[in-house]
Amino acid sequence: MKPDHQPHSERPAVPHPARLAVGVVGPGRAGAALGAALVRAGHAVVAVSAVSEASVARARAIFPEAVITEPAQVLRHADLVLLTVPDDALPGLVAGLAATGAPVQGRMLAHASGRHGLAVLEPATRLGGLPLALHPVMTFTGRGDDVDRLAGTCFGVTAPDALRPAAEALVIEMGGDPVFISEQNRNLYHAALAGAANHLITLVAQAADLLRTAGVADPARLLGPLLFASLDNALRFGDAGLTGPVARGDAGTVAAHVAALEAAASTSAAGAAGASAAAVAAYVAMARLTAARALAAGILKPGDAERLLDVLGGRP
């Protein structure tokens, strides 16, 4: 099933929701940004639950009129509650609220987890809570401009049919663009995003370390233009945007790359700067995956693919 996504220009007008009293349980980076966006839209953050000193300080600075209280009391004050705690803490939080008789009935309970859909909210839903999964596809830094990052940001949204208009309206009010994800596809959706965004940072940081080992004083000068162009090609053309030695079937160059990485990994100083057995294994794994995709796309000829796999086949 493809995600249900309509650009702003093609989407029918969504009625503006009434002004809501908003509660935030877990005012970390995401919770603070989402709450601030709702305030900008005309809603009011009236109650916040924060545990660490940093979270309490953040809540007081961003939501000065909100009462700082325990989670159950946040629900008593609010029409919409943002449950913006870490993924692993979310099931326990929801179960605890349900088990202790927190007033969930009739309240919208929205989490911002990419991994979870509606199932994690089921204990509260059984008691009359209105479940929403609103995941902003964006990274946050904890700075004051995080709320500005939401402008044009897609949200992975999962909601019961009856609540889809409300979910859509809330996302649009926060400046976002809703993309509906089915419950059964939440983990796959999140794996795709995490693999692309998080592993990209690992690959780029490792490449920068290797360039420093090779004597380049400012790796960003080399990597910046190349990576921006590569990302643009990937987003615009998919596999057809692939370039480089694997796409060309240049087995000799790939073999030289692997040998250089292995040699650098054997030196402890270089190993501390990005060249390690794990780096070799990552290069080999990505080269295999790239070759397989290039072959399937018709970019790489079968004979060239065979020679590449001969170079890569005996390696971990």
C-alpha atoms as a PDB file:
ATOM      1  CA  MET A   1       0.000   0.000   0.000  1.00  0.00           C
ATOM      2  CA  LYS A   2       1.422   3.382  -0.986  1.00  0.00           C
ATOM      3  CA  PRO A   3       1.373   6.226   1.551  1.00  0.00           C
ATOM      4  CA  ASP A   4      -1.636   8.484   1.081  1.00  0.00           C
ATOM      5  CA  HIS A   5      -0.110  11.879   0.359  1.00  0.00           C
ATOM      6  CA  GLN A   6      -1.617  14.943  -1.257  1.00  0.00           C
ATOM      7  CA  PRO A   7       0.416  18.128  -1.842  1.00  0.00           C
ATOM      8  CA  HIS A   8      -1.036  21.290  -0.321  1.00  0.00           C
ATOM      9  CA  SER A   9      -2.121  22.541  -3.749  1.00  0.00           C
ATOM     10  CA  GLU A  10      -4.249  19.433  -4.414  1.00  0.00           C
ATOM     11  CA  ARG A  11      -5.685  18.908  -0.934  1.00  0.00           C
ATOM     12  CA  PRO A  12      -9.233  20.092  -0.147  1.00  0.00           C
ATOM     13  CA  ALA A  13      -9.567  22.772   2.496  1.00  0.00           C
ATOM     14  CA  VAL A  14      -9.474  21.435   6.053  1.00  0.00           C
ATOM     15  CA  PRO A  15     -11.609  23.168   8.671  1.00  0.00           C
ATOM     16  CA  HIS A  16      -9.638  25.036  11.325  1.00  0.00           C
ATOM     17  CA  PRO A  17      -9.929  23.168  14.629  1.00  0.00           C
ATOM     18  CA  ALA A  18     -11.199  24.995  17.688  1.00  0.00           C
ATOM     19  CA  ARG A  19      -8.593  26.469  20.013  1.00  0.00           C
ATOM     20  CA  LEU A  20      -7.232  23.610  22.052  1.00  0.00           C
ATOM     21  CA  ALA A  21      -5.718  23.352  25.499  1.00  0.00           C
ATOM     22  CA  VAL A  22      -2.513  21.413  24.840  1.00  0.00           C
ATOM     23  CA  GLY A  23      -0.497  19.330  27.279  1.00  0.00           C
ATOM     24  CA  VAL A  24       3.028  18.054  26.724  1.00  0.00           C
ATOM     25  CA  VAL A  25       4.403  14.956  28.442  1.00  0.00           C
ATOM     26  CA  GLY A  26       8.116  14.945  27.699  1.00  0.00           C
ATOM     27  CA  PRO A  27       9.139  18.436  26.497  1.00  0.00           C
ATOM     28  CA  GLY A  28      12.335  17.287  24.802  1.00  0.00           C
ATOM     29  CA  ARG A  29      13.447  18.552  21.421  1.00  0.00           C
ATOM     30  CA  ALA A  30      10.453  17.192  19.505  1.00  0.00           C
ATOM     31  CA  GLY A  31       7.873  17.965  22.182  1.00  0.00           C
ATOM     32  CA  ALA A  32       9.095  21.538  22.563  1.00  0.00           C
ATOM     33  CA  ALA A  33       9.041  22.142  18.803  1.00  0.00           C
ATOM     34  CA  LEU A  34       5.580  20.640  18.289  1.00  0.00           C
ATOM     35  CA  GLY A  35       4.148  22.466  21.279  1.00  0.00           C
ATOM     36  CA  ALA A  36       5.629  25.778  20.102  1.00  0.00           C
ATOM     37  CA  ALA A  37       4.174  25.197  16.637  1.00  0.00           C
ATOM     38  CA  LEU A  38       0.712  24.646  18.110  1.00  0.00           C
ATOM     39  CA  VAL A  39       1.051  27.851  20.131  1.00  0.00           C
ATOM     40  CA  ARG A  40       1.913  29.704  16.924  1.00  0.00           C
ATOM     41  CA  ALA A  41      -1.256  28.262  15.411  1.00  0.00           C
ATOM     42  CA  GLY A  42      -3.369  29.793  18.171  1.00  0.00           C
ATOM     43  CA  HIS A  43      -3.613  26.941  20.649  1.00  0.00           C
ATOM     44  CA  ALA A  44      -2.363  27.151  24.235  1.00  0.00           C
ATOM     45  CA  VAL A  45       0.095  24.849  26.006  1.00  0.00           C
ATOM     46  CA  VAL A  46      -1.433  24.784  29.476  1.00  0.00           C
ATOM     47  CA  ALA A  47       0.392  21.933  31.230  1.00  0.00           C
ATOM     48  CA  VAL A  48       3.719  20.145  30.907  1.00  0.00           C
ATOM     49  CA  SER A  49       5.251  17.110  32.569  1.00  0.00           C
ATOM     50  CA  ALA A  50       9.041  17.220  32.716  1.00  0.00           C
ATOM     51  CA  VAL A  51      11.495  15.113  34.707  1.00  0.00           C
ATOM     52  CA  SER A  52      15.067  16.294  34.141  1.00  0.00           C
ATOM     53  CA  GLU A  53      16.275  19.738  35.147  1.00  0.00           C
ATOM     54  CA  ALA A  54      17.003  20.512  31.498  1.00  0.00           C
ATOM     55  CA  SER A  55      13.453  19.571  30.466  1.00  0.00           C
ATOM     56  CA  VAL A  56      11.917  21.649  33.246  1.00  0.00           C
ATOM     57  CA  ALA A  57      14.050  24.640  32.279  1.00  0.00           C
ATOM     58  CA  ARG A  58      13.123  24.194  28.602  1.00  0.00           C
ATOM     59  CA  ALA A  59       9.420  23.962  29.455  1.00  0.00           C
ATOM     60  CA  ARG A  60       9.507  27.113  31.602  1.00  0.00           C
ATOM     61  CA  ALA A  61      11.334  29.038  28.879  1.00  0.00           C
ATOM     62  CA  ILE A  62       9.143  27.962  25.950  1.00  0.00           C
ATOM     63  CA  PHE A  63       5.787  27.609  27.735  1.00  0.00           C
ATOM     64  CA  PRO A  64       5.931  30.187  30.544  1.00  0.00           C
ATOM     65  CA  GLU A  65       2.186  30.083  31.221  1.00  0.00           C
ATOM     66  CA  ALA A  66       2.007  26.290  31.523  1.00  0.00           C
ATOM     67  CA  VAL A  67       1.820  24.521  34.844  1.00  0.00           C
ATOM     68  CA  ILE A  68       4.570  21.946  35.454  1.00  0.00           C
ATOM     69  CA  THR A  69       2.931  18.839  36.868  1.00  0.00           C
ATOM     70  CA  GLU A  70       2.724  15.058  36.685  1.00  0.00           C
ATOM     71  CA  PRO A  71       1.456  13.272  33.541  1.00  0.00           C
ATOM     72  CA  ALA A  72      -2.029  12.453  34.869  1.00  0.00           C
ATOM     73  CA  GLN A  73      -2.582  16.101  35.785  1.00  0.00           C
ATOM     74  CA  VAL A  74      -1.432  17.176  32.324  1.00  0.00           C
ATOM     75  CA  LEU A  75      -4.322  15.129  30.945  1.00  0.00           C
ATOM     76  CA  ARG A  76      -6.781  16.797  33.330  1.00  0.00           C
ATOM     77  CA  HIS A  77      -5.846  20.213  31.988  1.00  0.00           C
ATOM     78  CA  ALA A  78      -5.683  19.389  28.259  1.00  0.00           C
ATOM     79  CA  ASP A  79      -7.811  18.562  25.227  1.00  0.00           C
ATOM     80  CA  LEU A  80      -4.790  17.403  23.220  1.00  0.00           C
ATOM     81  CA  VAL A  81      -1.801  15.746  24.891  1.00  0.00           C
ATOM     82  CA  LEU A  82       1.552  15.306  23.153  1.00  0.00           C
ATOM     83  CA  LEU A  83       3.229  12.150  24.465  1.00  0.00           C
ATOM     84  CA  THR A  84       6.716  13.040  23.247  1.00  0.00           C
ATOM     85  CA  VAL A  85       8.877  10.648  25.233  1.00  0.00           C
ATOM     86  CA  PRO A  86      11.515   8.281  23.787  1.00  0.00           C
ATOM     87  CA  ASP A  87      10.174   5.334  21.760  1.00  0.00           C
ATOM     88  CA  ASP A  88      11.086   2.742  24.381  1.00  0.00           C
ATOM     89  CA  ALA A  89       9.401   4.725  27.163  1.00  0.00           C
ATOM     90  CA  LEU A  90       6.129   5.269  25.308  1.00  0.00           C
ATOM     91  CA  PRO A  91       4.460   1.864  25.950  1.00  0.00           C
ATOM     92  CA  GLY A  92       5.130   2.101  29.689  1.00  0.00           C
ATOM     93  CA  LEU A  93       3.868   5.666  29.858  1.00  0.00           C
ATOM     94  CA  VAL A  94       0.589   4.836  28.115  1.00  0.00           C
ATOM     95  CA  ALA A  95       0.072   1.665  30.130  1.00  0.00           C
ATOM     96  CA  GLY A  96       0.768   3.548  33.346  1.00  0.00           C
ATOM     97  CA  LEU A  97      -1.694   6.319  32.533  1.00  0.00           C
ATOM     98  CA  ALA A  98      -4.383   3.749  31.754  1.00  0.00           C
ATOM     99  CA  ALA A  99      -3.680   1.626  34.828  1.00  0.00           C
ATOM    100  CA  THR A 100      -3.770   4.565  37.232  1.00  0.00           C
ATOM    101  CA  GLY A 101      -7.080   5.929  35.993  1.00  0.00           C
ATOM    102  CA  ALA A 102      -5.729   9.058  34.319  1.00  0.00           C
ATOM    103  CA  PRO A 103      -8.559  10.934  32.554  1.00  0.00           C
ATOM    104  CA  VAL A 104      -7.967   9.832  28.972  1.00  0.00           C
ATOM    105  CA  GLN A 105     -11.603   9.685  27.815  1.00  0.00           C
ATOM    106  CA  GLY A 106     -12.380  12.171  25.054  1.00  0.00           C
ATOM    107  CA  ARG A 107      -8.849  13.522  24.911  1.00  0.00           C
ATOM    108  CA  MET A 108      -6.647  13.409  21.834  1.00  0.00           C
ATOM    109  CA  LEU A 109      -3.442  11.556  22.669  1.00  0.00           C
ATOM    110  CA  ALA A 110      -0.753  12.143  20.059  1.00  0.00           C
ATOM    111  CA  HIS A 111       2.722  10.680  20.050  1.00  0.00           C
ATOM    112  CA  ALA A 112       5.570  11.690  17.739  1.00  0.00           C
ATOM    113  CA  SER A 113       7.312   8.325  17.422  1.00  0.00           C
ATOM    114  CA  GLY A 114       8.282   7.157  13.964  1.00  0.00           C
ATOM    115  CA  ARG A 115       8.284   3.511  14.918  1.00  0.00           C
ATOM    116  CA  HIS A 116       4.946   3.316  16.704  1.00  0.00           C
ATOM    117  CA  GLY A 117       1.485   3.653  15.237  1.00  0.00           C
ATOM    118  CA  LEU A 118      -1.796   3.351  17.105  1.00  0.00           C
ATOM    119  CA  ALA A 119      -1.242   0.001  18.821  1.00  0.00           C
ATOM    120  CA  VAL A 120       1.002   1.545  21.474  1.00  0.00           C
ATOM    121  CA  LEU A 121      -1.907   3.799  22.489  1.00  0.00           C
ATOM    122  CA  GLU A 122      -4.386   0.909  22.756  1.00  0.00           C
ATOM    123  CA  PRO A 123      -4.545   0.840  26.601  1.00  0.00           C
ATOM    124  CA  ALA A 124      -5.735   4.451  26.551  1.00  0.00           C
ATOM    125  CA  THR A 125      -7.920   3.975  23.474  1.00  0.00           C
ATOM    126  CA  ARG A 126      -9.867   1.236  25.271  1.00  0.00           C
ATOM    127  CA  LEU A 127     -10.729   3.836  27.931  1.00  0.00           C
ATOM    128  CA  GLY A 128     -11.996   6.366  25.412  1.00  0.00           C
ATOM    129  CA  GLY A 129      -8.800   8.142  24.438  1.00  0.00           C
ATOM    130  CA  LEU A 130      -8.524   9.439  20.866  1.00  0.00           C
ATOM    131  CA  PRO A 131      -5.256   8.102  19.400  1.00  0.00           C
ATOM    132  CA  LEU A 132      -3.011   9.891  16.891  1.00  0.00           C
ATOM    133  CA  ALA A 133       0.491   9.123  15.611  1.00  0.00           C
ATOM    134  CA  LEU A 134       2.084  12.330  14.260  1.00  0.00           C
ATOM    135  CA  HIS A 135       5.749  11.809  13.399  1.00  0.00           C
ATOM    136  CA  PRO A 136       7.641  14.827  12.025  1.00  0.00           C
ATOM    137  CA  VAL A 137      10.212  13.683   9.452  1.00  0.00           C
ATOM    138  CA  MET A 138      12.820  16.118  10.715  1.00  0.00           C
ATOM    139  CA  THR A 139      15.735  16.274  13.126  1.00  0.00           C
ATOM    140  CA  PHE A 140      15.708  18.781  15.975  1.00  0.00           C
ATOM    141  CA  THR A 141      18.659  20.393  17.727  1.00  0.00           C
ATOM    142  CA  GLY A 142      17.032  21.771  20.863  1.00  0.00           C
ATOM    143  CA  ARG A 143      17.518  25.351  19.695  1.00  0.00           C
ATOM    144  CA  GLY A 144      14.817  27.985  19.437  1.00  0.00           C
ATOM    145  CA  ASP A 145      14.640  27.741  15.653  1.00  0.00           C
ATOM    146  CA  ASP A 146      13.480  24.101  15.753  1.00  0.00           C
ATOM    147  CA  VAL A 147       9.877  25.215  15.321  1.00  0.00           C
ATOM    148  CA  ASP A 148      10.830  26.883  12.039  1.00  0.00           C
ATOM    149  CA  ARG A 149      12.054  23.549  10.715  1.00  0.00           C
ATOM    150  CA  LEU A 150       8.496  22.263  10.712  1.00  0.00           C
ATOM    151  CA  ALA A 151       7.524  24.530   7.821  1.00  0.00           C
ATOM    152  CA  GLY A 152       6.987  22.192   4.867  1.00  0.00           C
ATOM    153  CA  THR A 153       8.094  19.132   6.838  1.00  0.00           C
ATOM    154  CA  CYS A 154       6.256  15.895   6.123  1.00  0.00           C
ATOM    155  CA  PHE A 155       4.623  14.071   9.035  1.00  0.00           C
ATOM    156  CA  GLY A 156       4.042  10.322   9.018  1.00  0.00           C
ATOM    157  CA  VAL A 157       0.455  10.151  10.247  1.00  0.00           C
ATOM    158  CA  THR A 158      -1.519   7.142  11.454  1.00  0.00           C
ATOM    159  CA  ALA A 159      -5.040   7.754  12.747  1.00  0.00           C
ATOM    160  CA  PRO A 160      -8.431   6.040  12.902  1.00  0.00           C
ATOM    161  CA  ASP A 161     -10.625   7.010   9.965  1.00  0.00           C
ATOM    162  CA  ALA A 162     -12.811   9.205  12.145  1.00  0.00           C
ATOM    163  CA  LEU A 163      -9.796  11.181  13.349  1.00  0.00           C
ATOM    164  CA  ARG A 164      -7.983  11.597  10.028  1.00  0.00           C
ATOM    165  CA  PRO A 165      -9.429  15.096   9.433  1.00  0.00           C
ATOM    166  CA  ALA A 166      -8.322  16.203  12.908  1.00  0.00           C
ATOM    167  CA  ALA A 167      -4.852  14.711  12.432  1.00  0.00           C
ATOM    168  CA  GLU A 168      -4.520  16.375   9.053  1.00  0.00           C
ATOM    169  CA  ALA A 169      -5.653  19.728  10.423  1.00  0.00           C
ATOM    170  CA  LEU A 170      -3.189  19.612  13.324  1.00  0.00           C
ATOM    171  CA  VAL A 171      -0.252  18.795  11.050  1.00  0.00           C
ATOM    172  CA  ILE A 172      -1.156  21.554   8.611  1.00  0.00           C
ATOM    173  CA  GLU A 173      -1.521  24.019  11.485  1.00  0.00           C
ATOM    174  CA  MET A 174       1.998  23.141  12.619  1.00  0.00           C
ATOM    175  CA  GLY A 175       3.221  23.986   9.117  1.00  0.00           C
ATOM    176  CA  GLY A 176       3.623  20.367   8.092  1.00  0.00           C
ATOM    177  CA  ASP A 177       2.451  18.150   5.260  1.00  0.00           C
ATOM    178  CA  PRO A 178       0.624  14.956   6.338  1.00  0.00           C
ATOM    179  CA  VAL A 179       1.518  11.623   4.735  1.00  0.00           C
ATOM    180  CA  PHE A 180      -0.730   8.814   5.931  1.00  0.00           C
ATOM    181  CA  ILE A 181       1.058   5.566   6.868  1.00  0.00           C
ATOM    182  CA  SER A 182      -0.839   2.363   7.595  1.00  0.00           C
ATOM    183  CA  GLU A 183      -0.396   0.758  10.996  1.00  0.00           C
ATOM    184  CA  GLN A 184       1.263  -2.366   9.583  1.00  0.00           C
ATOM    185  CA  ASN A 185       3.858  -0.320   7.694  1.00  0.00           C
ATOM    186  CA  ARG A 186       5.100   1.888  10.548  1.00  0.00           C
ATOM    187  CA  ASN A 187       8.263  -0.122  11.248  1.00  0.00           C
ATOM    188  CA  LEU A 188       9.180  -0.313   7.559  1.00  0.00           C
ATOM    189  CA  TYR A 189       8.502   3.413   7.169  1.00  0.00           C
ATOM    190  CA  HIS A 190      10.715   4.249  10.135  1.00  0.00           C
ATOM    191  CA  ALA A 191      13.478   1.850   9.083  1.00  0.00           C
ATOM    192  CA  ALA A 192      13.668   3.592   5.720  1.00  0.00           C
ATOM    193  CA  LEU A 193      13.946   7.033   7.281  1.00  0.00           C
ATOM    194  CA  ALA A 194      16.423   6.028   9.986  1.00  0.00           C
ATOM    195  CA  GLY A 195      18.575   4.103   7.528  1.00  0.00           C
ATOM    196  CA  ALA A 196      18.735   7.070   5.168  1.00  0.00           C
ATOM    197  CA  ALA A 197      19.237   9.878   7.683  1.00  0.00           C
ATOM    198  CA  ASN A 198      21.221   8.239  10.485  1.00  0.00           C
ATOM    199  CA  HIS A 199      23.456   6.028   8.375  1.00  0.00           C
ATOM    200  CA  LEU A 200      24.168   8.946   6.062  1.00  0.00           C
ATOM    201  CA  ILE A 201      25.770  10.796   8.971  1.00  0.00           C
ATOM    202  CA  THR A 202      27.884   7.734   9.775  1.00  0.00           C
ATOM    203  CA  LEU A 203      29.014   7.392   6.151  1.00  0.00           C
ATOM    204  CA  VAL A 204      29.854  11.079   5.798  1.00  0.00           C
ATOM    205  CA  ALA A 205      31.692  11.299   9.118  1.00  0.00           C
ATOM    206  CA  GLN A 206      33.671   8.177   8.242  1.00  0.00           C
ATOM    207  CA  ALA A 207      34.533   9.550   4.797  1.00  0.00           C
ATOM    208  CA  ALA A 208      35.724  12.781   6.417  1.00  0.00           C
ATOM    209  CA  ASP A 209      37.958  10.804   8.790  1.00  0.00           C
ATOM    210  CA  LEU A 210      39.447   8.838   5.892  1.00  0.00           C
ATOM    211  CA  LEU A 211      40.135  12.022   3.954  1.00  0.00           C
ATOM    212  CA  ARG A 212      41.949  13.481   6.955  1.00  0.00           C
ATOM    213  CA  THR A 213      44.006  10.294   7.138  1.00  0.00           C
ATOM    214  CA  ALA A 214      44.789  10.822   3.442  1.00  0.00           C
ATOM    215  CA  GLY A 215      46.090  14.317   4.210  1.00  0.00           C
ATOM    216  CA  VAL A 216      43.046  16.474   3.411  1.00  0.00           C
ATOM    217  CA  ALA A 217      42.847  19.304   5.934  1.00  0.00           C
ATOM    218  CA  ASP A 218      39.236  20.312   5.217  1.00  0.00           C
ATOM    219  CA  PRO A 219      37.194  17.292   4.067  1.00  0.00           C
ATOM    220  CA  ALA A 220      33.955  19.292   3.949  1.00  0.00           C
ATOM    221  CA  ARG A 221      35.280  21.307   0.999  1.00  0.00           C
ATOM    222  CA  LEU A 222      35.550  18.103  -1.028  1.00  0.00           C
ATOM    223  CA  LEU A 223      32.530  16.288   0.301  1.00  0.00           C
ATOM    224  CA  GLY A 224      29.975  19.113   0.358  1.00  0.00           C
ATOM    225  CA  PRO A 225      29.492  19.718  -3.391  1.00  0.00           C
ATOM    226  CA  LEU A 226      29.813  16.011  -4.210  1.00  0.00           C
ATOM    227  CA  LEU A 227      27.279  14.877  -1.616  1.00  0.00           C
ATOM    228  CA  PHE A 228      24.742  17.587  -2.390  1.00  0.00           C
ATOM    229  CA  ALA A 229      24.903  16.599  -6.073  1.00  0.00           C
ATOM    230  CA  SER A 230      24.634  12.887  -5.230  1.00  0.00           C
ATOM    231  CA  LEU A 231      21.624  13.447  -2.973  1.00  0.00           C
ATOM    232  CA  ASP A 232      19.950  15.537  -5.655  1.00  0.00           C
ATOM    233  CA  ASN A 233      20.600  12.818  -8.243  1.00  0.00           C
ATOM    234  CA  ALA A 234      19.249  10.108  -5.938  1.00  0.00           C
ATOM    235  CA  LEU A 235      16.048  12.001  -5.131  1.00  0.00           C
ATOM    236  CA  ARG A 236      15.415  13.032  -8.733  1.00  0.00           C
ATOM    237  CA  PHE A 237      16.507   9.933 -10.640  1.00  0.00           C
ATOM    238  CA  GLY A 238      16.718   7.029  -8.180  1.00  0.00           C
ATOM    239  CA  ASP A 239      19.079   4.262  -9.296  1.00  0.00           C
ATOM    240  CA  ALA A 240      19.473   5.984 -12.669  1.00  0.00           C
ATOM    241  CA  GLY A 241      21.440   8.731 -10.889  1.00  0.00           C
ATOM    242  CA  LEU A 242      24.150   6.273  -9.835  1.00  0.00           C
ATOM    243  CA  THR A 243      27.745   7.043 -10.866  1.00  0.00           C
ATOM    244  CA  GLY A 244      31.179   5.798  -9.826  1.00  0.00           C
ATOM    245  CA  PRO A 245      33.285   2.662 -10.136  1.00  0.00           C
ATOM    246  CA  VAL A 246      30.599   0.157  -9.140  1.00  0.00           C
ATOM    247  CA  ALA A 247      28.140   1.562 -11.686  1.00  0.00           C
ATOM    248  CA  ARG A 248      30.878   1.423 -14.324  1.00  0.00           C
ATOM    249  CA  GLY A 249      31.846  -2.144 -13.404  1.00  0.00           C
ATOM    250  CA  ASP A 250      35.393  -1.006 -12.596  1.00  0.00           C
ATOM    251  CA  ALA A 251      36.433  -4.025 -10.525  1.00  0.00           C
ATOM    252  CA  GLY A 252      40.086  -2.949 -10.427  1.00  0.00           C
ATOM    253  CA  THR A 253      39.230   0.364  -8.776  1.00  0.00           C
ATOM    254  CA  VAL A 254      36.953  -1.299  -6.238  1.00  0.00           C
ATOM    255  CA  ALA A 255      39.691  -3.810  -5.413  1.00  0.00           C
ATOM    256  CA  ALA A 256      42.155  -0.943  -4.905  1.00  0.00           C
ATOM    257  CA  HIS A 257      39.693   0.816  -2.597  1.00  0.00           C
ATOM    258  CA  VAL A 258      39.265  -2.290  -0.455  1.00  0.00           C
ATOM    259  CA  ALA A 259      43.024  -2.858  -0.303  1.00  0.00           C
ATOM    260  CA  ALA A 260      43.630   0.750   0.775  1.00  0.00           C
ATOM    261  CA  LEU A 261      40.978   0.501   3.489  1.00  0.00           C
ATOM    262  CA  GLU A 262      42.431  -2.771   4.749  1.00  0.00           C
ATOM    263  CA  ALA A 263      45.941  -1.299   4.831  1.00  0.00           C
ATOM    264  CA  ALA A 264      44.737   1.753   6.729  1.00  0.00           C
ATOM    265  CA  ALA A 265      42.785  -0.429   9.156  1.00  0.00           C
ATOM    266  CA  SER A 266      45.958  -2.334  10.004  1.00  0.00           C
ATOM    267  CA  THR A 267      47.484   0.878  11.385  1.00  0.00           C
ATOM    268  CA  SER A 268      46.079   1.663  14.810  1.00  0.00           C
ATOM    269  CA  ALA A 269      46.276   5.441  14.387  1.00  0.00           C
ATOM    270  CA  ALA A 270      44.388   5.277  11.103  1.00  0.00           C
ATOM    271  CA  GLY A 271      41.890   2.859  12.611  1.00  0.00           C
ATOM    272  CA  ALA A 272      41.020   5.476  15.190  1.00  0.00           C
ATOM    273  CA  ALA A 273      40.329   7.925  12.357  1.00  0.00           C
ATOM    274  CA  GLY A 274      37.697   6.031  10.411  1.00  0.00           C
ATOM    275  CA  ALA A 275      39.667   3.140   8.878  1.00  0.00           C
ATOM    276  CA  SER A 276      38.805  -0.111  10.656  1.00  0.00           C
ATOM    277  CA  ALA A 277      37.667  -3.635   9.943  1.00  0.00           C
ATOM    278  CA  ALA A 278      34.106  -2.351  10.370  1.00  0.00           C
ATOM    279  CA  ALA A 279      34.758   0.357   7.775  1.00  0.00           C
ATOM    280  CA  VAL A 280      36.044  -2.246   5.308  1.00  0.00           C
ATOM    281  CA  ALA A 281      32.992  -4.429   5.930  1.00  0.00           C
ATOM    282  CA  ALA A 282      30.677  -1.427   5.451  1.00  0.00           C
ATOM    283  CA  TYR A 283      32.332  -0.492   2.143  1.00  0.00           C
ATOM    284  CA  VAL A 284      32.080  -4.074   0.885  1.00  0.00           C
ATOM    285  CA  ALA A 285      28.424  -4.391   1.962  1.00  0.00           C
ATOM    286  CA  MET A 286      27.454  -1.118   0.302  1.00  0.00           C
ATOM    287  CA  ALA A 287      29.390  -2.023  -2.858  1.00  0.00           C
ATOM    288  CA  ARG A 288      27.508  -5.337  -3.065  1.00  0.00           C
ATOM    289  CA  LEU A 289      24.158  -3.636  -2.565  1.00  0.00           C
ATOM    290  CA  THR A 290      25.042  -0.942  -5.107  1.00  0.00           C
ATOM    291  CA  ALA A 291      26.088  -3.576  -7.642  1.00  0.00           C
ATOM    292  CA  ALA A 292      22.863  -5.528  -7.119  1.00  0.00           C
ATOM    293  CA  ARG A 293      20.712  -2.425  -7.602  1.00  0.00           C
ATOM    294  CA  ALA A 294      22.740  -1.269 -10.622  1.00  0.00           C
ATOM    295  CA  LEU A 295      22.392  -4.720 -12.205  1.00  0.00           C
ATOM    296  CA  ALA A 296      18.633  -4.808 -11.589  1.00  0.00           C
ATOM    297  CA  ALA A 297      18.285  -1.308 -13.063  1.00  0.00           C
ATOM    298  CA  GLY A 298      20.186  -2.275 -16.205  1.00  0.00           C
ATOM    299  CA  ILE A 299      23.054   0.124 -15.457  1.00  0.00           C
ATOM    300  CA  LEU A 300      25.605  -2.618 -14.808  1.00  0.00           C
ATOM    301  CA  LYS A 301      26.215  -5.420 -17.294  1.00  0.00           C
ATOM    302  CA  PRO A 302      26.087  -9.009 -15.970  1.00  0.00           C
ATOM    303  CA  GLY A 303      29.734  -9.668 -16.894  1.00  0.00           C
ATOM    304  CA  ASP A 304      30.902  -6.549 -15.058  1.00  0.00           C
ATOM    305  CA  ALA A 305      28.779  -7.480 -12.073  1.00  0.00           C
ATOM    306  CA  GLU A 306      30.432 -10.897 -11.958  1.00  0.00           C
ATOM    307  CA  ARG A 307      33.899  -9.355 -11.882  1.00  0.00           C
ATOM    308  CA  LEU A 308      32.851  -7.012  -9.089  1.00  0.00           C
ATOM    309  CA  LEU A 309      31.420  -9.837  -7.027  1.00  0.00           C
ATOM    310  CA  ASP A 310      34.625 -11.810  -7.548  1.00  0.00           C
ATOM    311  CA  VAL A 311      36.504  -8.926  -5.942  1.00  0.00           C
ATOM    312  CA  LEU A 312      33.992  -8.593  -3.108  1.00  0.00           C
ATOM    313  CA  GLY A 313      32.852 -12.184  -2.689  1.00  0.00           C
ATOM    314  CA  GLY A 314      35.551 -13.526  -0.402  1.00  0.00           C
ATOM    315  CA  ARG A 315      35.366 -10.636   2.013  1.00  0.00           C
ATOM    316  CA  PRO A 316      33.322 -10.314   5.193  1.00  0.00           C
END
